[in-house]
Amino acid sequence: MNFEHILWLFLCFSLLGWVMETTLAAIRTRRYVDRSVLFGPWCIIYGISGTLITVGLAELRSGIVFLFLGSAVLVTVVEWLAGHLLENVSHTRWWDYSNRRFNLDGYICLSASVLWGLLGTVMVKWGNPLLTWLYDLIPAPARQIVLWTLIALVAVDGLASILTLAGVVHKLPALESTSRRLDAVSARMGGWILSRTERRIQKAYPEASFVHKKREKATVFAAGCSFSKLFLLFFIGAFLGDIVETIFCRVTGGVWMSRSSVVWGPFSLVWGLALALATLLLYRYKDKPASFLFVAGTVLGGAYEYLCSVFTELVFGTVFWDYSKIPFNLGGRINLLYCFFWGFAAVAWFRLVYPHFSRWIEAIPITPGRILTAVLVVFMVANVSVSALAMGRYSQRAEGVPATASWQVWMDEHYPDETMKRIYPNAIRTE
């Protein structure tokens, strides 16, 4: 399956999701209800979920049980994130499972998760091969034109919806003053698209208010669950995670081994992202019982580690960890014991560590805190970019690709195979 197939499946999932949602709404209300949030007939949440399942769980096709569980977990997480994101942006609940048993916040519930597991299993085993076969039947020039035209339409549609939810539509009179710098025709087209999108959203979801809260002046640096706090937690978590893993390897294996994800400094991105994402996703539940945090950490941590393993293998052709020798593993990417570790880590984080880190970060003065955050963001973006190029060139050298471009020559000089093996000692090349 190539990149064009993935884009095609994304469009198909979005369209099929819209058809299903619209049909179910018509059955419940006995009248036609357009369930499309965007201008066109597609539900992006279904497209994103289906693509994640297709890419992330393709190797589980032979195992119905794990494919079902993986599909249920991934789509449930996407649905939960999308629900809270839309609520934060539009201050409106777009769906509600509060009247169903075993629900969480009204955005996810057990019965819906079972449905997502069944749909994901059916699509991966039978739907995806059928849809890609139909796509390959279209002549090559025609199918590429159709594919990229639809992708462009979805992109424009999505941008219009984002601007609508962000309140740009309500500021169109003010934006008219900038028309001197814009083409008059483009301005009219943009206003038409934005206004039509808002009407479509209000038609599909009449309860959507589009009332936007005023931003209050900050009195404390990185209060609540802000970006600055999340990034600083990511930075701290990446550093501490690398140190902990290095010491763990020394104690258990008797060797000092680099556990860094980047070429500059001791930073484990997996740990940093895990800490930031756990804080973002579970912040509102930090006061819930420890049992809830343990289960949530186990499930989310296992799904996160699995997707990280798939992503790094697909992008870099490299496996950075392998649990095949540990009992109860899934494809060597995750294992039950380490999933439990994620659960214990979630409990320890919110019960013991996070309150102190949060208080220390918020104690930083506002202006120095913003400067520090900006500097660290620039450093980490550059660090990750250079590391990605170094890893890409490392893979090219393994395949015998000569250095012709200037960046390839620079990478060969500064990050040869010996350096890369020292930084990534456990990296295993895959086909």
Protein backbone atom coordinates (compact mmCIF):
# COMPACT_ATOMS: atom_id res chain seq x y z
CA MET A 1 0.00 0.00 0.00
CA ASN A 2 1.52 3.34 -1.08
CA PHE A 3 0.92 6.96 -0.08
CA GLU A 4 -1.76 7.49 -2.73
CA HIS A 5 -3.70 4.52 -1.37
CA ILE A 6 -3.57 5.99 2.13
CA LEU A 7 -4.91 9.35 0.91
CA TRP A 8 -7.61 7.55 -1.05
CA LEU A 9 -8.66 5.54 2.00
CA PHE A 10 -8.73 8.74 4.09
CA LEU A 11 -11.21 10.27 1.63
CA CYS A 12 -13.28 7.08 1.50
CA PHE A 13 -13.43 6.78 5.28
CA SER A 14 -14.48 10.43 5.57
CA LEU A 15 -17.25 9.97 2.99
CA LEU A 16 -18.47 6.66 4.43
CA GLY A 17 -18.49 8.19 7.89
CA TRP A 18 -20.65 11.05 6.67
CA VAL A 19 -23.05 8.60 4.98
CA MET A 20 -23.32 6.53 8.17
CA GLU A 21 -23.83 9.54 10.45
CA THR A 22 -26.40 11.12 8.14
CA THR A 23 -28.28 7.84 7.75
CA LEU A 24 -28.41 7.16 11.49
CA ALA A 25 -29.55 10.73 12.17
CA ALA A 26 -32.30 10.38 9.56
CA ILE A 27 -33.45 7.12 11.13
CA ARG A 28 -33.60 8.66 14.61
CA THR A 29 -35.35 11.90 13.63
CA ARG A 30 -37.39 10.56 10.69
CA ARG A 31 -36.17 13.41 8.51
CA TYR A 32 -33.04 14.30 6.56
CA VAL A 33 -30.32 15.79 8.74
CA ASP A 34 -27.00 16.80 7.23
CA ARG A 35 -24.32 15.62 9.65
CA SER A 36 -21.44 17.20 7.78
CA VAL A 37 -19.52 19.69 9.89
CA LEU A 38 -17.55 20.76 6.85
CA PHE A 39 -18.92 22.14 3.65
CA GLY A 40 -18.66 18.86 1.75
CA PRO A 41 -20.03 15.41 2.52
CA TRP A 42 -17.23 14.09 4.72
CA CYS A 43 -16.54 13.53 8.40
CA ILE A 44 -12.84 14.06 9.01
CA ILE A 45 -12.87 12.20 12.34
CA TYR A 46 -13.71 8.99 10.47
CA GLY A 47 -10.97 9.72 7.94
CA ILE A 48 -8.34 10.24 10.64
CA SER A 49 -9.45 7.20 12.62
CA GLY A 50 -9.54 4.94 9.58
CA THR A 51 -6.10 6.10 8.44
CA LEU A 52 -4.59 5.49 11.90
CA ILE A 53 -6.04 1.98 11.94
CA THR A 54 -4.86 1.28 8.39
CA VAL A 55 -1.29 2.43 8.99
CA GLY A 56 -0.86 1.51 12.63
CA LEU A 57 -2.65 -1.84 12.80
CA ALA A 58 -1.94 -3.32 9.37
CA GLU A 59 0.35 -5.99 10.84
CA LEU A 60 -2.49 -7.21 13.10
CA ARG A 61 -4.69 -8.32 10.20
CA SER A 62 -4.10 -11.98 10.99
CA GLY A 63 -5.19 -11.58 14.62
CA ILE A 64 -8.88 -10.70 14.93
CA VAL A 65 -8.81 -10.15 18.69
CA PHE A 66 -5.87 -7.74 18.75
CA LEU A 67 -7.14 -5.98 15.63
CA PHE A 68 -10.53 -5.49 17.28
CA LEU A 69 -9.01 -4.22 20.54
CA GLY A 70 -6.54 -1.94 18.76
CA SER A 71 -9.27 -0.45 16.57
CA ALA A 72 -11.54 0.11 19.55
CA VAL A 73 -8.80 1.82 21.57
CA LEU A 74 -7.46 4.02 18.77
CA VAL A 75 -10.83 5.28 17.54
CA THR A 76 -12.08 5.82 21.09
CA VAL A 77 -9.04 7.98 21.87
CA VAL A 78 -9.56 9.97 18.65
CA GLU A 79 -13.25 10.46 19.46
CA TRP A 80 -12.43 11.56 23.01
CA LEU A 81 -9.79 14.02 21.83
CA ALA A 82 -12.01 15.41 19.06
CA GLY A 83 -14.93 15.91 21.43
CA HIS A 84 -12.89 17.90 23.93
CA LEU A 85 -11.10 19.85 21.18
CA LEU A 86 -14.38 20.92 19.57
CA GLU A 87 -15.79 21.81 22.98
CA ASN A 88 -12.77 23.97 23.81
CA VAL A 89 -12.86 25.70 20.42
CA SER A 90 -16.60 26.20 19.92
CA HIS A 91 -17.77 25.95 23.59
CA THR A 92 -20.35 23.41 22.43
CA ARG A 93 -20.88 19.68 22.90
CA TRP A 94 -21.16 18.12 19.44
CA TRP A 95 -22.35 14.69 20.63
CA ASP A 96 -23.33 13.27 23.97
CA TYR A 97 -23.29 9.67 25.27
CA SER A 98 -24.26 10.70 28.80
CA ASN A 99 -27.43 8.58 28.67
CA ARG A 100 -25.43 5.43 27.85
CA ARG A 101 -23.82 3.16 30.39
CA PHE A 102 -20.07 3.16 30.97
CA ASN A 103 -19.46 6.58 29.41
CA LEU A 104 -16.69 9.08 30.13
CA ASP A 105 -17.56 12.77 29.92
CA GLY A 106 -20.36 11.86 27.51
CA TYR A 107 -17.86 11.76 24.65
CA ILE A 108 -16.97 8.07 24.69
CA CYS A 109 -18.78 4.98 25.93
CA LEU A 110 -18.35 1.22 25.90
CA SER A 111 -21.03 0.49 23.28
CA ALA A 112 -19.52 3.00 20.83
CA SER A 113 -16.03 1.59 21.43
CA VAL A 114 -17.29 -1.92 20.61
CA LEU A 115 -18.81 -0.55 17.39
CA TRP A 116 -15.53 1.12 16.44
CA GLY A 117 -13.67 -2.13 17.08
CA LEU A 118 -16.03 -4.04 14.80
CA LEU A 119 -15.93 -1.41 12.04
CA GLY A 120 -12.13 -1.20 12.22
CA THR A 121 -11.76 -4.96 11.97
CA VAL A 122 -14.08 -5.15 8.97
CA MET A 123 -12.34 -2.29 7.17
CA VAL A 124 -8.78 -3.56 7.69
CA LYS A 125 -9.54 -7.15 6.70
CA TRP A 126 -12.01 -6.60 3.86
CA GLY A 127 -12.81 -2.94 3.26
CA ASN A 128 -9.31 -1.63 2.61
CA PRO A 129 -8.41 -4.27 -0.02
CA LEU A 130 -11.70 -3.59 -1.82
CA LEU A 131 -11.29 0.20 -1.80
CA THR A 132 -7.67 0.08 -2.99
CA TRP A 133 -8.67 -2.39 -5.74
CA LEU A 134 -11.37 0.03 -6.93
CA TYR A 135 -8.85 2.89 -6.90
CA ASP A 136 -6.37 0.90 -9.00
CA LEU A 137 -9.08 0.28 -11.60
CA ILE A 138 -9.10 4.00 -12.46
CA PRO A 139 -6.53 4.96 -15.15
CA ALA A 140 -3.38 6.40 -13.55
CA PRO A 141 -3.63 10.03 -14.83
CA ALA A 142 -7.35 10.28 -14.06
CA ARG A 143 -7.11 8.84 -10.55
CA GLN A 144 -4.30 11.20 -9.58
CA ILE A 145 -6.30 14.19 -10.81
CA VAL A 146 -9.36 13.03 -8.89
CA LEU A 147 -7.36 12.25 -5.75
CA TRP A 148 -5.48 15.53 -5.50
CA THR A 149 -8.52 17.58 -6.45
CA LEU A 150 -10.50 16.02 -3.62
CA ILE A 151 -7.60 16.47 -1.18
CA ALA A 152 -7.40 20.16 -2.13
CA LEU A 153 -11.16 20.57 -1.61
CA VAL A 154 -10.99 18.91 1.81
CA ALA A 155 -8.03 21.11 2.79
CA VAL A 156 -9.87 24.31 1.79
CA ASP A 157 -13.02 23.05 3.46
CA GLY A 158 -11.16 22.25 6.67
CA LEU A 159 -9.42 25.64 6.72
CA ALA A 160 -12.74 27.41 6.26
CA SER A 161 -14.25 25.46 9.14
CA ILE A 162 -11.29 26.18 11.44
CA LEU A 163 -11.55 29.89 10.71
CA THR A 164 -15.29 29.76 11.28
CA LEU A 165 -14.93 28.05 14.66
CA ALA A 166 -12.16 30.50 15.57
CA GLY A 167 -14.58 33.39 15.07
CA VAL A 168 -13.11 34.86 11.89
CA VAL A 169 -16.55 35.07 10.31
CA HIS A 170 -17.67 37.51 12.99
CA LYS A 171 -14.69 39.70 12.15
CA LEU A 172 -15.31 39.88 8.41
CA PRO A 173 -16.31 43.58 8.51
CA ALA A 174 -12.97 44.40 10.12
CA LEU A 175 -11.17 42.22 7.60
CA GLU A 176 -12.71 44.26 4.80
CA SER A 177 -10.27 47.04 5.73
CA THR A 178 -7.42 44.81 4.57
CA SER A 179 -8.95 44.26 1.14
CA ARG A 180 -6.58 46.88 -0.29
CA ARG A 181 -3.83 44.28 0.00
CA LEU A 182 -5.94 41.45 -1.28
CA ASP A 183 -7.51 40.70 -4.57
CA ALA A 184 -11.18 41.72 -4.47
CA VAL A 185 -12.32 38.50 -6.02
CA SER A 186 -10.36 36.39 -3.53
CA ALA A 187 -11.84 38.35 -0.63
CA ARG A 188 -15.40 37.79 -1.88
CA MET A 189 -14.75 34.09 -2.42
CA GLY A 190 -13.24 33.76 1.05
CA GLY A 191 -16.18 35.54 2.67
CA TRP A 192 -18.63 33.36 0.74
CA ILE A 193 -16.86 30.14 1.75
CA LEU A 194 -16.65 31.17 5.39
CA SER A 195 -20.27 32.26 5.62
CA ARG A 196 -21.53 29.11 3.88
CA THR A 197 -19.44 26.95 6.20
CA GLU A 198 -20.91 28.59 9.29
CA ARG A 199 -24.43 28.09 7.99
CA ARG A 200 -23.69 24.44 7.29
CA ILE A 201 -22.32 23.93 10.81
CA GLN A 202 -25.29 25.68 12.42
CA LYS A 203 -27.70 23.69 10.24
CA ALA A 204 -26.14 20.37 11.23
CA TYR A 205 -25.69 21.40 14.88
CA PRO A 206 -28.29 24.07 15.77
CA GLU A 207 -27.08 24.13 19.37
CA ALA A 208 -23.64 25.40 18.30
CA SER A 209 -23.42 28.88 19.73
CA PHE A 210 -20.16 30.24 18.23
CA VAL A 211 -19.83 32.43 21.30
CA HIS A 212 -16.16 32.91 22.01
CA LYS A 213 -14.65 33.69 25.37
CA LYS A 214 -12.51 36.75 25.77
CA ARG A 215 -8.89 36.05 26.57
CA GLU A 216 -8.06 37.30 30.03
CA LYS A 217 -4.71 38.87 30.82
CA ALA A 218 -2.36 36.32 32.36
CA THR A 219 -1.32 36.92 35.96
CA VAL A 220 0.63 33.66 36.42
CA PHE A 221 3.08 32.11 33.99
CA ALA A 222 1.90 28.83 32.44
CA ALA A 223 -1.25 28.59 34.54
CA GLY A 224 -3.45 25.51 34.26
CA CYS A 225 -2.66 23.28 31.29
CA SER A 226 -1.18 25.91 28.95
CA PHE A 227 1.20 25.35 26.04
CA SER A 228 4.16 26.77 27.96
CA LYS A 229 3.65 24.37 30.85
CA LEU A 230 3.14 21.40 28.53
CA PHE A 231 6.29 22.19 26.56
CA LEU A 232 8.42 22.66 29.67
CA LEU A 233 7.07 19.36 31.01
CA PHE A 234 7.96 17.78 27.66
CA PHE A 235 11.50 19.16 27.91
CA ILE A 236 11.92 18.05 31.52
CA GLY A 237 10.38 14.63 30.80
CA ALA A 238 12.66 14.07 27.80
CA PHE A 239 15.73 14.84 29.90
CA LEU A 240 14.73 12.84 32.98
CA GLY A 241 13.49 9.94 30.84
CA ASP A 242 16.88 9.66 29.15
CA ILE A 243 18.68 9.75 32.51
CA VAL A 244 16.39 7.13 34.05
CA GLU A 245 16.74 4.77 31.07
CA THR A 246 20.52 5.20 31.04
CA ILE A 247 20.77 4.32 34.73
CA PHE A 248 18.33 1.42 34.25
CA CYS A 249 20.51 -0.03 31.47
CA ARG A 250 23.56 0.33 33.68
CA VAL A 251 21.92 -1.42 36.63
CA THR A 252 20.30 -4.25 34.63
CA GLY A 253 22.81 -4.70 31.80
CA GLY A 254 26.03 -3.50 33.38
CA VAL A 255 26.77 -1.07 30.52
CA TRP A 256 26.46 2.65 29.95
CA MET A 257 24.31 3.07 26.85
CA SER A 258 22.93 6.14 25.11
CA ARG A 259 19.12 6.26 25.27
CA SER A 260 18.76 9.62 23.54
CA SER A 261 16.34 10.22 20.67
CA VAL A 262 18.26 13.23 19.32
CA VAL A 263 21.84 14.05 18.43
CA TRP A 264 22.17 17.06 20.71
CA GLY A 265 21.96 16.26 24.40
CA PRO A 266 20.39 13.52 26.54
CA PHE A 267 16.74 13.77 25.56
CA SER A 268 14.32 10.88 25.07
CA LEU A 269 11.45 12.26 22.98
CA VAL A 270 9.23 9.28 23.70
CA TRP A 271 9.31 10.06 27.41
CA GLY A 272 8.91 13.79 26.88
CA LEU A 273 5.93 13.40 24.60
CA ALA A 274 4.41 10.82 26.91
CA LEU A 275 4.66 13.19 29.88
CA ALA A 276 3.19 16.13 27.97
CA LEU A 277 0.40 14.09 26.37
CA ALA A 278 -0.49 12.38 29.65
CA THR A 279 -0.79 15.78 31.30
CA LEU A 280 -2.88 17.15 28.45
CA LEU A 281 -5.22 14.15 28.22
CA LEU A 282 -5.62 13.36 31.91
CA TYR A 283 -5.32 16.83 33.45
CA ARG A 284 -9.04 17.13 34.12
CA TYR A 285 -9.02 13.67 35.74
CA LYS A 286 -5.99 14.23 37.97
CA ASP A 287 -8.19 14.14 41.10
CA LYS A 288 -9.94 10.90 40.16
CA PRO A 289 -9.17 7.64 42.03
CA ALA A 290 -5.78 6.03 41.47
CA SER A 291 -7.47 3.02 39.86
CA PHE A 292 -8.87 5.25 37.10
CA LEU A 293 -5.48 6.84 36.45
CA PHE A 294 -3.82 3.41 36.37
CA VAL A 295 -6.24 2.00 33.78
CA ALA A 296 -6.12 5.16 31.67
CA GLY A 297 -2.32 5.25 31.81
CA THR A 298 -2.06 1.56 30.91
CA VAL A 299 -4.33 1.85 27.86
CA LEU A 300 -3.10 5.22 26.59
CA GLY A 301 0.55 4.39 27.28
CA GLY A 302 0.34 1.08 25.44
CA ALA A 303 -1.39 2.66 22.44
CA TYR A 304 1.12 5.52 22.42
CA GLU A 305 4.17 3.24 22.54
CA TYR A 306 2.75 1.01 19.81
CA LEU A 307 2.10 3.95 17.46
CA CYS A 308 5.57 5.39 18.18
CA SER A 309 7.12 2.07 17.19
CA VAL A 310 5.10 1.90 13.96
CA PHE A 311 5.87 5.53 13.11
CA THR A 312 9.64 5.26 13.56
CA GLU A 313 9.78 2.04 11.56
CA LEU A 314 7.71 3.48 8.68
CA VAL A 315 9.57 6.81 8.56
CA PHE A 316 13.15 5.75 9.33
CA GLY A 317 13.03 2.03 8.57
CA THR A 318 14.46 1.43 12.04
CA VAL A 319 13.25 -0.39 15.15
CA PHE A 320 14.43 1.40 18.29
CA TRP A 321 13.12 -1.19 20.76
CA ASP A 322 12.06 -4.82 20.57
CA TYR A 323 10.11 -6.66 23.28
CA SER A 324 9.85 -9.94 21.39
CA LYS A 325 11.66 -11.81 24.17
CA ILE A 326 9.34 -10.50 26.90
CA PRO A 327 6.15 -12.50 27.57
CA PHE A 328 2.76 -11.12 26.52
CA ASN A 329 4.16 -8.84 23.83
CA LEU A 330 2.37 -7.57 20.74
CA GLY A 331 4.61 -7.68 17.68
CA GLY A 332 7.57 -6.84 19.87
CA ARG A 333 6.30 -3.25 20.02
CA ILE A 334 4.60 -3.35 23.42
CA ASN A 335 4.22 -5.85 26.22
CA LEU A 336 1.82 -6.19 29.13
CA LEU A 337 4.43 -5.56 31.83
CA TYR A 338 5.56 -2.25 30.37
CA CYS A 339 1.95 -1.22 29.75
CA PHE A 340 1.44 -1.67 33.49
CA PHE A 341 4.48 0.53 34.02
CA TRP A 342 2.69 3.28 32.07
CA GLY A 343 -0.26 2.87 34.42
CA PHE A 344 1.87 3.11 37.55
CA ALA A 345 3.70 6.07 36.03
CA ALA A 346 0.40 7.90 35.47
CA VAL A 347 -0.58 7.42 39.12
CA ALA A 348 2.84 8.48 40.41
CA TRP A 349 2.93 11.48 38.08
CA PHE A 350 -0.37 13.04 39.13
CA ARG A 351 -0.25 12.00 42.77
CA LEU A 352 3.39 12.74 43.62
CA VAL A 353 5.33 14.60 40.95
CA TYR A 354 3.08 16.85 38.86
CA PRO A 355 1.90 19.14 41.72
CA HIS A 356 5.51 20.08 42.52
CA PHE A 357 6.57 20.56 38.89
CA SER A 358 3.45 22.62 38.18
CA ARG A 359 4.08 24.86 41.18
CA TRP A 360 7.77 25.37 40.24
CA ILE A 361 6.92 26.26 36.64
CA GLU A 362 4.17 28.69 37.64
CA ALA A 363 6.62 30.39 40.03
CA ILE A 364 8.72 31.56 37.05
CA PRO A 365 8.10 35.27 36.26
CA ILE A 366 5.93 35.74 33.18
CA THR A 367 8.39 37.53 30.87
CA PRO A 368 11.46 35.36 31.63
CA GLY A 369 9.23 32.28 31.40
CA ARG A 370 8.04 33.20 27.93
CA ILE A 371 11.58 33.94 26.78
CA LEU A 372 12.82 30.63 28.22
CA THR A 373 10.01 28.71 26.53
CA ALA A 374 10.68 30.37 23.16
CA VAL A 375 14.41 29.62 23.35
CA LEU A 376 13.82 25.97 24.28
CA VAL A 377 11.23 25.57 21.51
CA VAL A 378 13.70 26.85 18.90
CA PHE A 379 16.45 24.62 20.29
CA MET A 380 14.30 21.49 20.31
CA VAL A 381 12.87 22.12 16.83
CA ALA A 382 16.40 22.49 15.48
CA ASN A 383 17.54 19.44 17.45
CA VAL A 384 14.73 17.25 16.13
CA SER A 385 15.23 18.52 12.56
CA VAL A 386 18.96 17.80 12.54
CA SER A 387 18.37 14.41 14.18
CA ALA A 388 15.78 13.49 11.53
CA LEU A 389 18.18 14.43 8.74
CA ALA A 390 21.02 12.53 10.41
CA MET A 391 18.84 9.44 10.79
CA GLY A 392 17.62 9.77 7.21
CA ARG A 393 21.17 9.95 5.93
CA TYR A 394 22.14 7.04 8.20
CA SER A 395 19.46 4.97 6.47
CA GLN A 396 20.63 6.12 3.04
CA ARG A 397 24.20 5.07 3.76
CA ALA A 398 22.96 1.63 4.81
CA GLU A 399 21.26 1.38 1.42
CA GLY A 400 24.39 2.48 -0.45
CA VAL A 401 23.05 5.90 -1.52
CA PRO A 402 26.01 8.22 -2.28
CA ALA A 403 26.21 11.75 -0.90
CA THR A 404 25.40 14.15 -3.74
CA ALA A 405 23.52 17.00 -2.04
CA SER A 406 25.28 19.41 0.30
CA TRP A 407 23.22 18.34 3.32
CA GLN A 408 24.18 14.71 2.72
CA VAL A 409 27.88 15.60 2.64
CA TRP A 410 27.52 17.65 5.83
CA MET A 411 25.72 14.80 7.60
CA ASP A 412 28.39 12.31 6.52
CA GLU A 413 31.10 14.56 7.96
CA HIS A 414 29.42 15.37 11.28
CA TYR A 415 27.32 12.27 11.91
CA PRO A 416 29.06 9.21 10.40
CA ASP A 417 28.00 5.66 11.15
CA GLU A 418 30.22 5.43 14.23
CA THR A 419 28.54 8.46 15.80
CA MET A 420 25.04 7.26 14.94
CA LYS A 421 25.73 3.80 16.38
CA ARG A 422 26.93 5.41 19.60
CA ILE A 423 23.81 7.60 19.86
CA TYR A 424 21.39 4.86 18.77
CA PRO A 425 23.00 1.57 19.87
CA ASN A 426 19.74 -0.40 19.79
CA ALA A 427 18.56 0.80 16.38
CA ILE A 428 17.83 -2.16 14.08
CA ARG A 429 17.40 -1.65 10.34
CA THR A 430 14.28 -3.21 8.77
CA GLU A 431 13.14 -3.71 5.22
